[in-house]
Amino acid sequence: PLGDALHDRHHRASRAVAAALLRLGDRGLLALERSGSPYAAEALAVHRVRQGV
């Protein structure tokens, strides 16, 4: 699954995957929330700030 790519050794790739998951909507958000990746946590934090949550 795409969420597994969050654990890539290259931080740019992991950040790109996290951004792509955000663009997928609810399914992408769920994948990010289930991930233990720091890149997922970062993407979720940025998303919440942008949403005003």
PDB file of N, CA and C in Angstrom:
ATOM      1  N   PRO A   1       0.814  -1.205   0.000  1.00  0.00           N
ATOM      2  CA  PRO A   1       0.000   0.000   0.000  1.00  0.00           C
ATOM      3  C   PRO A   1       0.858   1.271   0.000  1.00  0.00           C
ATOM      4  N   LEU A   2       0.261   2.328  -0.420  1.00  0.00           N
ATOM      5  CA  LEU A   2       0.965   3.609  -0.489  1.00  0.00           C
ATOM      6  C   LEU A   2       1.452   4.052   0.883  1.00  0.00           C
ATOM      7  N   GLY A   3       0.694   3.764   1.910  1.00  0.00           N
ATOM      8  CA  GLY A   3       1.085   4.140   3.264  1.00  0.00           C
ATOM      9  C   GLY A   3       2.410   3.538   3.694  1.00  0.00           C
ATOM     10  N   ASP A   4       2.741   2.361   3.166  1.00  0.00           N
ATOM     11  CA  ASP A   4       4.023   1.730   3.501  1.00  0.00           C
ATOM     12  C   ASP A   4       5.198   2.559   3.003  1.00  0.00           C
ATOM     13  N   ALA A   5       4.985   3.331   1.970  1.00  0.00           N
ATOM     14  CA  ALA A   5       6.061   4.154   1.412  1.00  0.00           C
ATOM     15  C   ALA A   5       6.438   5.306   2.334  1.00  0.00           C
ATOM     16  N   LEU A   6       5.660   5.543   3.372  1.00  0.00           N
ATOM     17  CA  LEU A   6       6.000   6.590   4.340  1.00  0.00           C
ATOM     18  C   LEU A   6       7.260   6.243   5.117  1.00  0.00           C
ATOM     19  N   HIS A   7       7.631   4.998   5.070  1.00  0.00           N
ATOM     20  CA  HIS A   7       8.804   4.541   5.811  1.00  0.00           C
ATOM     21  C   HIS A   7      10.031   4.452   4.909  1.00  0.00           C
ATOM     22  N   ASP A   8       9.981   5.135   3.786  1.00  0.00           N
ATOM     23  CA  ASP A   8      11.107   5.189   2.856  1.00  0.00           C
ATOM     24  C   ASP A   8      12.305   5.823   3.547  1.00  0.00           C
ATOM     25  N   ARG A   9      13.470   5.456   3.145  1.00  0.00           N
ATOM     26  CA  ARG A   9      14.684   5.990   3.765  1.00  0.00           C
ATOM     27  C   ARG A   9      14.940   7.450   3.398  1.00  0.00           C
ATOM     28  N   HIS A  10      14.341   7.895   2.333  1.00  0.00           N
ATOM     29  CA  HIS A  10      14.574   9.264   1.870  1.00  0.00           C
ATOM     30  C   HIS A  10      13.418  10.156   2.323  1.00  0.00           C
ATOM     31  N   HIS A  11      13.749  11.175   3.100  1.00  0.00           N
ATOM     32  CA  HIS A  11      12.688  12.012   3.668  1.00  0.00           C
ATOM     33  C   HIS A  11      11.875  12.733   2.610  1.00  0.00           C
ATOM     34  N   ARG A  12      12.477  13.099   1.502  1.00  0.00           N
ATOM     35  CA  ARG A  12      11.705  13.787   0.448  1.00  0.00           C
ATOM     36  C   ARG A  12      10.637  12.871  -0.122  1.00  0.00           C
ATOM     37  N   ALA A  13      10.998  11.618  -0.326  1.00  0.00           N
ATOM     38  CA  ALA A  13      10.025  10.657  -0.859  1.00  0.00           C
ATOM     39  C   ALA A  13       8.892  10.443   0.137  1.00  0.00           C
ATOM     40  N   SER A  14       9.231  10.311   1.406  1.00  0.00           N
ATOM     41  CA  SER A  14       8.205  10.097   2.428  1.00  0.00           C
ATOM     42  C   SER A  14       7.279  11.298   2.543  1.00  0.00           C
ATOM     43  N   ARG A  15       7.831  12.484   2.452  1.00  0.00           N
ATOM     44  CA  ARG A  15       6.995  13.693   2.502  1.00  0.00           C
ATOM     45  C   ARG A  15       6.097  13.790   1.277  1.00  0.00           C
ATOM     46  N   ALA A  16       6.610  13.394   0.129  1.00  0.00           N
ATOM     47  CA  ALA A  16       5.803  13.415  -1.090  1.00  0.00           C
ATOM     48  C   ALA A  16       4.647  12.425  -0.983  1.00  0.00           C
ATOM     49  N   VAL A  17       4.912  11.261  -0.422  1.00  0.00           N
ATOM     50  CA  VAL A  17       3.855  10.264  -0.235  1.00  0.00           C
ATOM     51  C   VAL A  17       2.808  10.790   0.741  1.00  0.00           C
ATOM     52  N   ALA A  18       3.241  11.400   1.826  1.00  0.00           N
ATOM     53  CA  ALA A  18       2.301  11.953   2.801  1.00  0.00           C
ATOM     54  C   ALA A  18       1.417  13.014   2.150  1.00  0.00           C
ATOM     55  N   ALA A  19       2.000  13.862   1.331  1.00  0.00           N
ATOM     56  CA  ALA A  19       1.221  14.897   0.636  1.00  0.00           C
ATOM     57  C   ALA A  19       0.225  14.265  -0.329  1.00  0.00           C
ATOM     58  N   ALA A  20       0.651  13.211  -1.018  1.00  0.00           N
ATOM     59  CA  ALA A  20      -0.251  12.520  -1.944  1.00  0.00           C
ATOM     60  C   ALA A  20      -1.418  11.886  -1.188  1.00  0.00           C
ATOM     61  N   LEU A  21      -1.130  11.306  -0.033  1.00  0.00           N
ATOM     62  CA  LEU A  21      -2.196  10.708   0.767  1.00  0.00           C
ATOM     63  C   LEU A  21      -3.208  11.765   1.209  1.00  0.00           C
ATOM     64  N   LEU A  22      -2.745  12.941   1.560  1.00  0.00           N
ATOM     65  CA  LEU A  22      -3.669  14.018   1.939  1.00  0.00           C
ATOM     66  C   LEU A  22      -4.604  14.372   0.785  1.00  0.00           C
ATOM     67  N   ARG A  23      -4.076  14.366  -0.415  1.00  0.00           N
ATOM     68  CA  ARG A  23      -4.895  14.712  -1.583  1.00  0.00           C
ATOM     69  C   ARG A  23      -5.940  13.644  -1.896  1.00  0.00           C
ATOM     70  N   LEU A  24      -5.771  12.444  -1.343  1.00  0.00           N
ATOM     71  CA  LEU A  24      -6.744  11.375  -1.580  1.00  0.00           C
ATOM     72  C   LEU A  24      -8.009  11.529  -0.741  1.00  0.00           C
ATOM     73  N   GLY A  25      -7.975  12.431   0.207  1.00  0.00           N
ATOM     74  CA  GLY A  25      -9.162  12.661   1.025  1.00  0.00           C
ATOM     75  C   GLY A  25      -9.228  11.736   2.225  1.00  0.00           C
ATOM     76  N   ASP A  26     -10.439  11.273   2.537  1.00  0.00           N
ATOM     77  CA  ASP A  26     -10.660  10.494   3.759  1.00  0.00           C
ATOM     78  C   ASP A  26      -9.806   9.234   3.834  1.00  0.00           C
ATOM     79  N   ARG A  27      -9.686   8.522   2.728  1.00  0.00           N
ATOM     80  CA  ARG A  27      -8.886   7.288   2.744  1.00  0.00           C
ATOM     81  C   ARG A  27      -7.418   7.591   3.011  1.00  0.00           C
ATOM     82  N   GLY A  28      -6.928   8.677   2.455  1.00  0.00           N
ATOM     83  CA  GLY A  28      -5.547   9.079   2.695  1.00  0.00           C
ATOM     84  C   GLY A  28      -5.324   9.531   4.127  1.00  0.00           C
ATOM     85  N   LEU A  29      -6.285  10.277   4.664  1.00  0.00           N
ATOM     86  CA  LEU A  29      -6.193  10.709   6.064  1.00  0.00           C
ATOM     87  C   LEU A  29      -6.160   9.509   7.001  1.00  0.00           C
ATOM     88  N   LEU A  30      -6.977   8.526   6.714  1.00  0.00           N
ATOM     89  CA  LEU A  30      -7.006   7.324   7.540  1.00  0.00           C
ATOM     90  C   LEU A  30      -5.657   6.607   7.498  1.00  0.00           C
ATOM     91  N   ALA A  31      -5.071   6.511   6.317  1.00  0.00           N
ATOM     92  CA  ALA A  31      -3.755   5.871   6.188  1.00  0.00           C
ATOM     93  C   ALA A  31      -2.705   6.637   6.980  1.00  0.00           C
ATOM     94  N   LEU A  32      -2.763   7.956   6.933  1.00  0.00           N
ATOM     95  CA  LEU A  32      -1.810   8.766   7.693  1.00  0.00           C
ATOM     96  C   LEU A  32      -2.012   8.592   9.193  1.00  0.00           C
ATOM     97  N   GLU A  33      -3.259   8.563   9.627  1.00  0.00           N
ATOM     98  CA  GLU A  33      -3.550   8.413  11.054  1.00  0.00           C
ATOM     99  C   GLU A  33      -3.098   7.063  11.588  1.00  0.00           C
ATOM    100  N   ARG A  34      -3.135   6.043  10.759  1.00  0.00           N
ATOM    101  CA  ARG A  34      -2.731   4.693  11.176  1.00  0.00           C
ATOM    102  C   ARG A  34      -1.219   4.493  11.130  1.00  0.00           C
ATOM    103  N   SER A  35      -0.539   5.364  10.453  1.00  0.00           N
ATOM    104  CA  SER A  35       0.901   5.224  10.282  1.00  0.00           C
ATOM    105  C   SER A  35       1.645   5.719  11.514  1.00  0.00           C
ATOM    106  N   GLY A  36       2.731   5.071  11.813  1.00  0.00           N
ATOM    107  CA  GLY A  36       3.595   5.515  12.902  1.00  0.00           C
ATOM    108  C   GLY A  36       4.734   6.384  12.411  1.00  0.00           C
ATOM    109  N   SER A  37       4.683   6.757  11.159  1.00  0.00           N
ATOM    110  CA  SER A  37       5.754   7.542  10.549  1.00  0.00           C
ATOM    111  C   SER A  37       5.747   8.986  11.047  1.00  0.00           C
ATOM    112  N   PRO A  38       6.922   9.530  11.325  1.00  0.00           N
ATOM    113  CA  PRO A  38       6.975  10.947  11.696  1.00  0.00           C
ATOM    114  C   PRO A  38       6.535  11.853  10.544  1.00  0.00           C
ATOM    115  N   TYR A  39       6.684  11.382   9.317  1.00  0.00           N
ATOM    116  CA  TYR A  39       6.256  12.173   8.160  1.00  0.00           C
ATOM    117  C   TYR A  39       4.732  12.222   8.092  1.00  0.00           C
ATOM    118  N   ALA A  40       4.087  11.148   8.487  1.00  0.00           N
ATOM    119  CA  ALA A  40       2.627  11.142   8.551  1.00  0.00           C
ATOM    120  C   ALA A  40       2.152  12.112   9.622  1.00  0.00           C
ATOM    121  N   ALA A  41       2.797  12.078  10.769  1.00  0.00           N
ATOM    122  CA  ALA A  41       2.430  12.992  11.858  1.00  0.00           C
ATOM    123  C   ALA A  41       2.619  14.441  11.432  1.00  0.00           C
ATOM    124  N   GLU A  42       3.704  14.710  10.740  1.00  0.00           N
ATOM    125  CA  GLU A  42       3.971  16.065  10.256  1.00  0.00           C
ATOM    126  C   GLU A  42       2.891  16.504   9.267  1.00  0.00           C
ATOM    127  N   ALA A  43       2.548  15.629   8.331  1.00  0.00           N
ATOM    128  CA  ALA A  43       1.536  15.962   7.330  1.00  0.00           C
ATOM    129  C   ALA A  43       0.182  16.208   7.985  1.00  0.00           C
ATOM    130  N   LEU A  44      -0.162  15.386   8.972  1.00  0.00           N
ATOM    131  CA  LEU A  44      -1.433  15.573   9.671  1.00  0.00           C
ATOM    132  C   LEU A  44      -1.459  16.885  10.441  1.00  0.00           C
ATOM    133  N   ALA A  45      -0.358  17.228  11.069  1.00  0.00           N
ATOM    134  CA  ALA A  45      -0.290  18.491  11.819  1.00  0.00           C
ATOM    135  C   ALA A  45      -0.466  19.684  10.891  1.00  0.00           C
ATOM    136  N   VAL A  46       0.212  19.668   9.772  1.00  0.00           N
ATOM    137  CA  VAL A  46       0.095  20.762   8.801  1.00  0.00           C
ATOM    138  C   VAL A  46      -1.333  20.828   8.264  1.00  0.00           C
ATOM    139  N   HIS A  47      -1.902  19.683   7.967  1.00  0.00           N
ATOM    140  CA  HIS A  47      -3.271  19.631   7.453  1.00  0.00           C
ATOM    141  C   HIS A  47      -4.251  20.235   8.458  1.00  0.00           C
ATOM    142  N   ARG A  48      -4.092  19.882   9.719  1.00  0.00           N
ATOM    143  CA  ARG A  48      -4.999  20.395  10.751  1.00  0.00           C
ATOM    144  C   ARG A  48      -4.857  21.900  10.928  1.00  0.00           C
ATOM    145  N   VAL A  49      -3.645  22.402  10.830  1.00  0.00           N
ATOM    146  CA  VAL A  49      -3.436  23.851  10.920  1.00  0.00           C
ATOM    147  C   VAL A  49      -4.124  24.543   9.750  1.00  0.00           C
ATOM    148  N   ARG A  50      -3.959  23.984   8.573  1.00  0.00           N
ATOM    149  CA  ARG A  50      -4.588  24.581   7.385  1.00  0.00           C
ATOM    150  C   ARG A  50      -6.107  24.538   7.460  1.00  0.00           C
ATOM    151  N   GLN A  51      -6.637  23.495   8.104  1.00  0.00           N
ATOM    152  CA  GLN A  51      -8.085  23.352   8.241  1.00  0.00           C
ATOM    153  C   GLN A  51      -8.631  24.147   9.412  1.00  0.00           C
ATOM    154  N   GLY A  52      -7.745  24.661  10.258  1.00  0.00           N
ATOM    155  CA  GLY A  52      -8.176  25.420  11.419  1.00  0.00           C
ATOM    156  C   GLY A  52      -8.685  24.552  12.553  1.00  0.00           C
ATOM    157  N   VAL A  53      -8.218  23.315  12.576  1.00  0.00           N
ATOM    158  CA  VAL A  53      -8.663  22.369  13.618  1.00  0.00           C
ATOM    159  C   VAL A  53      -7.787  22.492  14.833  1.00  0.00           C
TER     160      VAL A  53
END
